[in-house]
Structures are given as C-alpha cells and as structure tokens.
C-alpha cells in the first residue's frame, strides 16, 4: 500500500506539472492573440517581427508538453481520468500551438500591409481578439476547475466571434470594389479576421477536450447553451 501511495504521489506531481505547462502556454497564446490585433491596428512592424520570432519558443513549449505527456504514459501507466487528462493535454497543447500560428499570421499581415495610412482598421477585429482571449482564459479556468458547464458556456461564445467576422466580411466587400490596391488590403484584413475566427474555433475544440477529460464523453459543441456575456466597454 505504501508503494502504491508513493507511486500515486509521483503521478499527481507529474500531472500538476503538466497542467502548469498547459496554463503557461495558454497564457502566452492568450497574450499573443490580443497583441497581434494591436500590432495590426497600430502598424507596429517591429512588434510584428518580434511576435513572429516568438513562435519558435511556442513551438518548443508544445514539443516539451508532448514529450512530457508521452513520458507520463510510458512510466506511470495512468488509467481512467488520469489518462484522459494526459490525452486531453496532448490535444489542448496542439490547439494552443495552432492559435499562436494564427497570431503569427496576423503579424505577417501587418508586415505585408506596411505603413499604409489609407487603410481603415475594422474595430470589430479588436473585438474579435478580445472575445477570443476571454474565451481562452475561461477555458483554462474550466480545465483547472474541471467545470463542464463553464466549458460549454465558453464554447457557445464562438457565435459572437463568427458574427463579428461576418460583419467585417460584409464591410470589406465595399473596399474590394474600390480598385486593385484597396482590394488587396481588404483581402489582407479579411485574412487577419479569418485567423481570429479560427482561433475561436480552436478554443471550442479545447472545451470539447475538457468535457472529455471530466466526463469521458466526446461531444460536438453547439450553441444550445447559456452564453456568458463579455463586456469590453
């Protein structure tokens, strides 16, 4: 019994370390999402280059989490909810890595567009970044708390991001008809908006993995849940 309890203590310590890795990566990605929007808005080319370079560190953290997950499985033979947690962390880390790729993509858009002063930055882009960041924060809270209801509520807010994206899309159609130069920049802005829309989808995926970890069930998230209202005024 003493040996088994000792093994359990080791496993719990490793699982806690894994959770810390996920939360650290999530915090960095959350910051990058909002930062990418501000960089584009302010035409911050230096900031864009810094964000692009930061992706190397994010990738390394992702690799480290993968290795840690596989090490835990190989050496501790976790079962039931412990194994589901490790499996979920593998998937969540991948989702976070892709989300940072979206932030990096927006930084690349900033560099492509340069310092053009005639381009009007859509305010909805900032709102999308804020909602995506808030969703990610709450999803990570749901992971810590093992809170299925919170995960479902967070996922439902993806509709808010989708609505903002549709608004940007229709607004940019006007720019698309004002000549080749404006059409090109409209497409670049739409690319940035699409990246944020995809980031929201990734958070929804994270919420699905949280539900799996807690309940053992894999379900497709939908909007048939109460939605937390995010106020950014």
Protein backbone atom coordinates (compact mmCIF):
# COMPACT_ATOMS: atom_id res chain seq x y z
CA UNK A 1 0.00 0.00 0.00
CA UNK A 2 2.84 2.36 0.81
CA UNK A 3 4.43 1.70 -2.57
CA UNK A 4 1.15 2.32 -4.38
CA UNK A 5 0.56 5.56 -2.48
CA UNK A 6 4.11 6.63 -3.30
CA UNK A 7 3.50 5.99 -6.99
CA UNK A 8 0.26 7.95 -6.79
CA UNK A 9 2.05 10.91 -5.26
CA UNK A 10 4.61 10.86 -8.08
CA UNK A 11 1.87 10.70 -10.70
CA UNK A 12 -0.09 13.55 -9.14
CA UNK A 13 3.06 15.69 -9.07
CA UNK A 14 3.69 14.98 -12.74
CA UNK A 15 0.09 15.73 -13.68
CA UNK A 16 0.29 19.01 -11.80
CA UNK A 17 3.45 19.87 -13.68
CA UNK A 18 1.73 19.06 -16.96
CA UNK A 19 -1.17 21.32 -16.06
CA UNK A 20 1.27 24.12 -15.27
CA UNK A 21 2.87 23.69 -18.69
CA UNK A 22 -0.54 23.94 -20.36
CA UNK A 23 -1.52 27.04 -18.38
CA UNK A 24 1.79 28.76 -19.17
CA UNK A 25 1.44 28.03 -22.87
CA UNK A 26 -2.18 29.16 -22.78
CA UNK A 27 -1.24 32.44 -21.11
CA UNK A 28 1.38 33.17 -23.78
CA UNK A 29 -1.04 32.37 -26.58
CA UNK A 30 -3.77 34.48 -25.00
CA UNK A 31 -1.42 37.44 -24.82
CA UNK A 32 -0.33 36.93 -28.43
CA UNK A 33 -3.91 36.97 -29.73
CA UNK A 34 -4.65 40.42 -28.36
CA UNK A 35 -1.15 41.66 -29.15
CA UNK A 36 -1.46 40.65 -32.81
CA UNK A 37 -4.62 42.73 -33.18
CA UNK A 38 -2.99 45.76 -31.56
CA UNK A 39 0.11 45.35 -33.72
CA UNK A 40 -2.03 45.38 -36.86
CA UNK A 41 -4.09 48.32 -35.65
CA UNK A 42 -1.01 50.41 -34.79
CA UNK A 43 1.02 49.28 -37.84
CA UNK A 44 3.72 48.15 -35.41
CA UNK A 45 6.20 46.49 -37.75
CA UNK A 46 8.83 45.95 -35.06
CA UNK A 47 6.26 44.33 -32.80
CA UNK A 48 5.13 42.14 -35.68
CA UNK A 49 8.65 40.85 -36.23
CA UNK A 50 9.05 40.13 -32.51
CA UNK A 51 5.78 38.19 -32.42
CA UNK A 52 6.80 36.13 -35.43
CA UNK A 53 10.11 35.22 -33.80
CA UNK A 54 8.32 34.29 -30.57
CA UNK A 55 6.59 31.45 -32.39
CA UNK A 56 9.79 29.41 -32.13
CA UNK A 57 9.53 29.43 -28.34
CA UNK A 58 5.86 28.46 -28.52
CA UNK A 59 6.69 25.51 -30.74
CA UNK A 60 9.34 24.35 -28.29
CA UNK A 61 6.87 24.51 -25.40
CA UNK A 62 4.44 22.47 -27.46
CA UNK A 63 7.11 19.84 -28.10
CA UNK A 64 8.04 19.78 -24.41
CA UNK A 65 4.41 19.14 -23.44
CA UNK A 66 4.14 16.32 -25.97
CA UNK A 67 7.28 14.70 -24.58
CA UNK A 68 6.03 15.09 -21.02
CA UNK A 69 2.68 13.51 -21.87
CA UNK A 70 4.34 10.52 -23.53
CA UNK A 71 6.77 10.17 -20.62
CA UNK A 72 3.90 10.06 -18.13
CA UNK A 73 2.06 7.44 -20.17
CA UNK A 74 5.19 5.31 -20.57
CA UNK A 75 6.41 5.45 -16.99
CA UNK A 76 3.27 5.87 -14.87
CA UNK A 77 0.67 3.91 -16.84
CA UNK A 78 -2.18 6.29 -15.93
CA UNK A 79 -5.74 5.00 -16.17
CA UNK A 80 -9.29 6.40 -16.20
CA UNK A 81 -9.48 10.17 -15.59
CA UNK A 82 -5.69 10.49 -15.29
CA UNK A 83 -5.20 9.03 -18.75
CA UNK A 84 -7.98 11.21 -20.14
CA UNK A 85 -6.28 14.27 -18.65
CA UNK A 86 -2.97 13.43 -20.28
CA UNK A 87 -4.71 12.73 -23.60
CA UNK A 88 -6.62 16.00 -23.36
CA UNK A 89 -3.43 17.92 -22.62
CA UNK A 90 -1.82 16.48 -25.75
CA UNK A 91 -4.71 17.79 -27.84
CA UNK A 92 -5.05 21.10 -26.00
CA UNK A 93 -1.34 21.86 -26.48
CA UNK A 94 -1.76 21.30 -30.22
CA UNK A 95 -4.76 23.62 -30.32
CA UNK A 96 -2.79 26.31 -28.49
CA UNK A 97 0.15 25.96 -30.86
CA UNK A 98 -2.15 26.47 -33.84
CA UNK A 99 -3.72 29.50 -32.18
CA UNK A 100 -0.31 31.11 -31.88
CA UNK A 101 0.21 30.37 -35.57
CA UNK A 102 -2.89 32.48 -36.22
CA UNK A 103 -1.44 35.35 -34.17
CA UNK A 104 1.80 34.99 -36.11
CA UNK A 105 -0.19 35.12 -39.34
CA UNK A 106 -1.74 38.44 -38.31
CA UNK A 107 1.73 39.77 -37.59
CA UNK A 108 2.72 38.75 -41.11
CA UNK A 109 -0.30 40.65 -42.45
CA UNK A 110 0.96 43.72 -40.60
CA UNK A 111 4.32 43.49 -42.35
CA UNK A 112 2.71 42.93 -45.74
CA UNK A 113 0.46 45.95 -45.36
CA UNK A 114 3.26 48.14 -44.01
CA UNK A 115 2.54 51.72 -43.02
CA UNK A 116 -0.29 52.41 -45.48
CA UNK A 117 -2.34 55.18 -43.91
CA UNK A 118 -5.39 54.90 -46.13
CA UNK A 119 -6.48 51.54 -44.76
CA UNK A 120 -9.20 51.76 -42.14
CA UNK A 121 -8.72 49.22 -39.34
CA UNK A 122 -12.01 47.42 -38.57
CA UNK A 123 -12.91 47.91 -34.90
CA UNK A 124 -14.54 44.50 -34.99
CA UNK A 125 -11.05 42.98 -35.30
CA UNK A 126 -10.15 44.25 -31.85
CA UNK A 127 -13.45 42.92 -30.51
CA UNK A 128 -12.77 39.51 -32.03
CA UNK A 129 -9.35 39.38 -30.39
CA UNK A 130 -10.82 40.39 -27.04
CA UNK A 131 -13.54 37.76 -27.17
CA UNK A 132 -11.09 35.06 -28.25
CA UNK A 133 -8.74 35.99 -25.42
CA UNK A 134 -11.56 35.97 -22.87
CA UNK A 135 -12.79 32.62 -24.15
CA UNK A 136 -9.33 31.13 -23.79
CA UNK A 137 -8.91 32.49 -20.25
CA UNK A 138 -12.22 30.95 -19.20
CA UNK A 139 -11.49 27.67 -20.98
CA UNK A 140 -8.28 27.35 -18.98
CA UNK A 141 -10.27 28.12 -15.83
CA UNK A 142 -12.66 25.32 -16.79
CA UNK A 143 -9.70 22.98 -17.12
CA UNK A 144 -8.38 23.86 -13.67
CA UNK A 145 -11.83 23.61 -12.08
CA UNK A 146 -12.87 20.55 -14.12
CA UNK A 147 -16.02 22.57 -14.81
CA UNK A 148 -18.10 21.15 -17.67
CA UNK A 149 -20.78 23.86 -17.51
CA UNK A 150 -18.16 26.59 -17.85
CA UNK A 151 -16.57 24.80 -20.80
CA UNK A 152 -19.95 24.56 -22.55
CA UNK A 153 -20.70 28.23 -21.91
CA UNK A 154 -17.30 29.31 -23.23
CA UNK A 155 -17.73 27.30 -26.42
CA UNK A 156 -21.12 28.90 -27.04
CA UNK A 157 -19.44 32.31 -27.29
CA UNK A 158 -17.84 31.29 -30.57
CA UNK A 159 -21.06 32.52 -32.18
CA UNK A 160 -20.08 36.04 -31.09
CA UNK A 161 -16.77 35.79 -32.94
CA UNK A 162 -18.50 34.36 -36.01
CA UNK A 163 -20.95 37.27 -36.06
CA UNK A 164 -18.12 39.81 -35.85
CA UNK A 165 -16.32 38.06 -38.67
CA UNK A 166 -19.40 38.20 -40.88
CA UNK A 167 -19.71 41.91 -40.17
CA UNK A 168 -16.09 42.52 -41.16
CA UNK A 169 -16.54 40.46 -44.29
CA UNK A 170 -19.53 42.47 -45.48
CA UNK A 171 -17.85 45.77 -44.62
CA UNK A 172 -14.72 44.84 -46.56
CA UNK A 173 -16.74 44.00 -49.65
CA UNK A 174 -17.03 47.76 -50.20
CA UNK A 175 -13.24 48.16 -50.19
CA UNK A 176 -12.94 45.26 -52.58
CA UNK A 177 -14.76 47.32 -55.23
CA UNK A 178 -12.56 50.42 -54.93
CA UNK A 179 -9.68 49.34 -57.12
CA UNK A 180 -6.85 46.84 -57.09
CA UNK A 181 -4.86 48.47 -54.24
CA UNK A 182 -7.80 48.67 -51.84
CA UNK A 183 -8.97 45.19 -52.83
CA UNK A 184 -5.57 43.78 -51.92
CA UNK A 185 -5.61 45.36 -48.48
CA UNK A 186 -9.21 44.32 -47.92
CA UNK A 187 -8.14 40.75 -48.55
CA UNK A 188 -5.27 41.09 -46.09
CA UNK A 189 -7.60 42.43 -43.39
CA UNK A 190 -10.01 39.60 -44.10
CA UNK A 191 -7.14 37.15 -43.68
CA UNK A 192 -6.45 38.60 -40.24
CA UNK A 193 -10.13 38.38 -39.32
CA UNK A 194 -10.29 34.80 -40.53
CA UNK A 195 -7.35 33.90 -38.28
CA UNK A 196 -9.19 35.25 -35.25
CA UNK A 197 -12.34 33.40 -36.29
CA UNK A 198 -10.33 30.19 -36.44
CA UNK A 199 -8.84 30.95 -33.03
CA UNK A 200 -12.35 30.92 -31.62
CA UNK A 201 -12.93 27.53 -33.21
CA UNK A 202 -9.75 26.25 -31.55
CA UNK A 203 -10.97 27.38 -28.14
CA UNK A 204 -14.17 25.45 -28.80
CA UNK A 205 -12.05 22.39 -29.53
CA UNK A 206 -10.23 22.91 -26.23
CA UNK A 207 -13.57 22.99 -24.44
CA UNK A 208 -14.52 19.71 -26.08
CA UNK A 209 -11.36 18.11 -24.71
CA UNK A 210 -12.09 19.48 -21.25
CA UNK A 211 -15.52 17.86 -21.33
CA UNK A 212 -13.89 14.62 -22.44
CA UNK A 213 -11.38 14.77 -19.60
CA UNK A 214 -14.05 15.36 -16.97
CA UNK A 215 -16.83 13.09 -18.26
CA UNK A 216 -15.19 10.64 -20.64
CA UNK A 217 -17.60 11.75 -23.38
CA UNK A 218 -16.64 13.29 -26.73
CA UNK A 219 -19.28 15.68 -27.98
CA UNK A 220 -19.58 18.27 -30.70
CA UNK A 221 -20.05 21.69 -29.18
CA UNK A 222 -23.03 23.73 -30.35
CA UNK A 223 -24.77 26.97 -29.38
CA UNK A 224 -27.60 25.43 -27.39
CA UNK A 225 -26.18 26.63 -24.09
CA UNK A 226 -26.43 29.75 -21.99
CA UNK A 227 -23.81 32.27 -23.04
CA UNK A 228 -21.70 34.37 -20.73
CA UNK A 229 -21.81 37.99 -21.90
CA UNK A 230 -18.40 39.60 -22.33
CA UNK A 231 -18.44 43.36 -21.86
CA UNK A 232 -15.43 45.23 -23.26
CA UNK A 233 -16.66 48.83 -23.00
